[in-house]
Amino acid sequence: LSGTDILDTIDSEATGTLKDCYTTLVRCAKNPQLYFARRLNAAMKGLGTDEDTLVRIIVGHSEFDLETVKDMYLEKYDVTLKDALDSECGGDFKRLLIEILH
């Protein structure tokens, strides 16, 4: 209505945990598949891998929109989700996640 993006307003008006919650809600509502692609990337970034997040997202979305999440991941990070998992995970865990992707 005001011509201002809601994320810009949240950024300028809220702080701390409340800001994080509002930002998460808006990003998920605006483009859920991109939101989950970002979450997958964050789970594999830096030292260690957040395996619980990988399982929740990949298994939880395998039935209905995982293909779109994979497309968003490639578009956002210029690498396939399969290749990212291949480089960040290992063993049976990696094989299981990659099998679910197909």
C-alpha atoms as a PDB file:
ATOM      1  CA  LEU A   1       0.000   0.000   0.000  1.00  0.00           C
ATOM      2  CA  SER A   2       2.669   2.503   0.957  1.00  0.00           C
ATOM      3  CA  GLY A   3       5.075   1.540  -1.833  1.00  0.00           C
ATOM      4  CA  THR A   4       7.655   0.356   0.702  1.00  0.00           C
ATOM      5  CA  ASP A   5       8.798  -3.258   0.679  1.00  0.00           C
ATOM      6  CA  ILE A   6       7.728  -5.016   3.848  1.00  0.00           C
ATOM      7  CA  LEU A   7      11.237  -6.420   4.396  1.00  0.00           C
ATOM      8  CA  ASP A   8      12.667  -2.885   4.281  1.00  0.00           C
ATOM      9  CA  THR A   9      10.111  -1.781   6.853  1.00  0.00           C
ATOM     10  CA  ILE A  10      10.906  -4.728   9.117  1.00  0.00           C
ATOM     11  CA  ASP A  11      14.617  -3.968   8.753  1.00  0.00           C
ATOM     12  CA  SER A  12      14.161  -0.346   9.791  1.00  0.00           C
ATOM     13  CA  GLU A  13      11.497  -0.802  12.468  1.00  0.00           C
ATOM     14  CA  ALA A  14      12.247  -4.061  14.276  1.00  0.00           C
ATOM     15  CA  THR A  15      15.304  -5.424  16.066  1.00  0.00           C
ATOM     16  CA  GLY A  16      16.620  -8.642  17.509  1.00  0.00           C
ATOM     17  CA  THR A  17      14.583 -11.802  17.653  1.00  0.00           C
ATOM     18  CA  LEU A  18      11.368 -10.059  16.628  1.00  0.00           C
ATOM     19  CA  LYS A  19      13.076  -8.776  13.465  1.00  0.00           C
ATOM     20  CA  ASP A  20      14.382 -12.275  12.695  1.00  0.00           C
ATOM     21  CA  CYS A  21      10.924 -13.811  13.192  1.00  0.00           C
ATOM     22  CA  TYR A  22       9.159 -11.254  10.998  1.00  0.00           C
ATOM     23  CA  THR A  23      11.805 -11.556   8.286  1.00  0.00           C
ATOM     24  CA  THR A  24      11.536 -15.346   8.281  1.00  0.00           C
ATOM     25  CA  LEU A  25       7.739 -15.248   8.091  1.00  0.00           C
ATOM     26  CA  VAL A  26       7.713 -12.797   5.193  1.00  0.00           C
ATOM     27  CA  ARG A  27      10.421 -14.604   3.205  1.00  0.00           C
ATOM     28  CA  CYS A  28       8.658 -17.927   3.641  1.00  0.00           C
ATOM     29  CA  ALA A  29       5.293 -16.443   2.665  1.00  0.00           C
ATOM     30  CA  LYS A  30       6.657 -14.598  -0.393  1.00  0.00           C
ATOM     31  CA  ASN A  31       8.623 -17.488  -1.884  1.00  0.00           C
ATOM     32  CA  PRO A  32       8.660 -20.688   0.190  1.00  0.00           C
ATOM     33  CA  GLN A  33      10.889 -22.625  -2.201  1.00  0.00           C
ATOM     34  CA  LEU A  34      13.567 -19.908  -2.179  1.00  0.00           C
ATOM     35  CA  TYR A  35      13.297 -19.722   1.612  1.00  0.00           C
ATOM     36  CA  PHE A  36      13.989 -23.459   1.878  1.00  0.00           C
ATOM     37  CA  ALA A  37      16.838 -23.256  -0.657  1.00  0.00           C
ATOM     38  CA  ARG A  38      18.429 -20.603   1.570  1.00  0.00           C
ATOM     39  CA  ARG A  39      17.911 -22.772   4.642  1.00  0.00           C
ATOM     40  CA  LEU A  40      19.585 -25.722   2.915  1.00  0.00           C
ATOM     41  CA  ASN A  41      22.542 -23.556   1.968  1.00  0.00           C
ATOM     42  CA  ALA A  42      22.856 -22.215   5.511  1.00  0.00           C
ATOM     43  CA  ALA A  43      22.780 -25.785   6.860  1.00  0.00           C
ATOM     44  CA  MET A  44      25.848 -26.643   4.763  1.00  0.00           C
ATOM     45  CA  LYS A  45      27.753 -23.378   5.195  1.00  0.00           C
ATOM     46  CA  GLY A  46      30.818 -22.993   7.384  1.00  0.00           C
ATOM     47  CA  LEU A  47      32.212 -25.592   9.745  1.00  0.00           C
ATOM     48  CA  GLY A  48      30.053 -28.641  10.181  1.00  0.00           C
ATOM     49  CA  THR A  49      26.748 -29.490   8.598  1.00  0.00           C
ATOM     50  CA  ASP A  50      23.339 -29.136  10.208  1.00  0.00           C
ATOM     51  CA  GLU A  51      22.152 -32.612   9.276  1.00  0.00           C
ATOM     52  CA  ASP A  52      18.816 -32.242  11.094  1.00  0.00           C
ATOM     53  CA  THR A  53      17.875 -29.264   8.926  1.00  0.00           C
ATOM     54  CA  LEU A  54      18.892 -31.095   5.755  1.00  0.00           C
ATOM     55  CA  VAL A  55      16.728 -34.079   6.668  1.00  0.00           C
ATOM     56  CA  ARG A  56      13.734 -31.956   7.713  1.00  0.00           C
ATOM     57  CA  ILE A  57      13.711 -29.963   4.491  1.00  0.00           C
ATOM     58  CA  ILE A  58      14.636 -32.660   1.974  1.00  0.00           C
ATOM     59  CA  VAL A  59      12.397 -35.369   3.413  1.00  0.00           C
ATOM     60  CA  GLY A  60       9.619 -32.946   4.300  1.00  0.00           C
ATOM     61  CA  HIS A  61       9.464 -31.510   0.791  1.00  0.00           C
ATOM     62  CA  SER A  62      10.184 -34.660  -1.191  1.00  0.00           C
ATOM     63  CA  GLU A  63       6.524 -35.294  -1.936  1.00  0.00           C
ATOM     64  CA  PHE A  64       5.379 -31.934  -3.212  1.00  0.00           C
ATOM     65  CA  ASP A  65       7.881 -29.207  -4.063  1.00  0.00           C
ATOM     66  CA  LEU A  66      11.433 -30.509  -3.815  1.00  0.00           C
ATOM     67  CA  GLU A  67      11.944 -30.066  -7.562  1.00  0.00           C
ATOM     68  CA  THR A  68      11.192 -26.356  -7.255  1.00  0.00           C
ATOM     69  CA  VAL A  69      13.446 -26.054  -4.194  1.00  0.00           C
ATOM     70  CA  LYS A  70      16.239 -27.696  -6.230  1.00  0.00           C
ATOM     71  CA  ASP A  71      15.653 -25.241  -9.078  1.00  0.00           C
ATOM     72  CA  MET A  72      15.738 -22.284  -6.680  1.00  0.00           C
ATOM     73  CA  TYR A  73      18.950 -23.597  -5.117  1.00  0.00           C
ATOM     74  CA  LEU A  74      20.650 -23.787  -8.507  1.00  0.00           C
ATOM     75  CA  GLU A  75      19.404 -20.326  -9.479  1.00  0.00           C
ATOM     76  CA  LYS A  76      20.492 -18.732  -6.185  1.00  0.00           C
ATOM     77  CA  TYR A  77      23.846 -20.481  -5.617  1.00  0.00           C
ATOM     78  CA  ASP A  78      24.914 -21.526  -9.143  1.00  0.00           C
ATOM     79  CA  VAL A  79      25.491 -25.120  -8.024  1.00  0.00           C
ATOM     80  CA  THR A  80      23.067 -28.021  -7.946  1.00  0.00           C
ATOM     81  CA  LEU A  81      21.736 -29.141  -4.586  1.00  0.00           C
ATOM     82  CA  LYS A  82      23.063 -32.621  -5.395  1.00  0.00           C
ATOM     83  CA  ASP A  83      26.597 -31.260  -5.902  1.00  0.00           C
ATOM     84  CA  ALA A  84      26.372 -29.215  -2.701  1.00  0.00           C
ATOM     85  CA  LEU A  85      25.268 -32.273  -0.725  1.00  0.00           C
ATOM     86  CA  ASP A  86      27.971 -34.357  -2.400  1.00  0.00           C
ATOM     87  CA  SER A  87      30.675 -31.968  -1.198  1.00  0.00           C
ATOM     88  CA  GLU A  88      29.275 -31.354   2.301  1.00  0.00           C
ATOM     89  CA  CYS A  89      27.975 -34.757   3.396  1.00  0.00           C
ATOM     90  CA  GLY A  90      29.411 -38.227   3.436  1.00  0.00           C
ATOM     91  CA  GLY A  91      28.713 -41.924   3.621  1.00  0.00           C
ATOM     92  CA  ASP A  92      25.276 -43.457   3.837  1.00  0.00           C
ATOM     93  CA  PHE A  93      23.775 -40.126   4.917  1.00  0.00           C
ATOM     94  CA  LYS A  94      24.898 -38.491   1.674  1.00  0.00           C
ATOM     95  CA  ARG A  95      23.690 -41.420  -0.424  1.00  0.00           C
ATOM     96  CA  LEU A  96      20.282 -41.328   1.256  1.00  0.00           C
ATOM     97  CA  LEU A  97      19.771 -37.583   0.713  1.00  0.00           C
ATOM     98  CA  ILE A  98      20.914 -37.753  -2.904  1.00  0.00           C
ATOM     99  CA  GLU A  99      18.600 -40.708  -3.535  1.00  0.00           C
ATOM    100  CA  ILE A 100      15.659 -38.725  -2.144  1.00  0.00           C
ATOM    101  CA  LEU A 101      16.520 -35.867  -4.530  1.00  0.00           C
ATOM    102  CA  HIS A 102      15.843 -38.143  -7.515  1.00  0.00           C
END
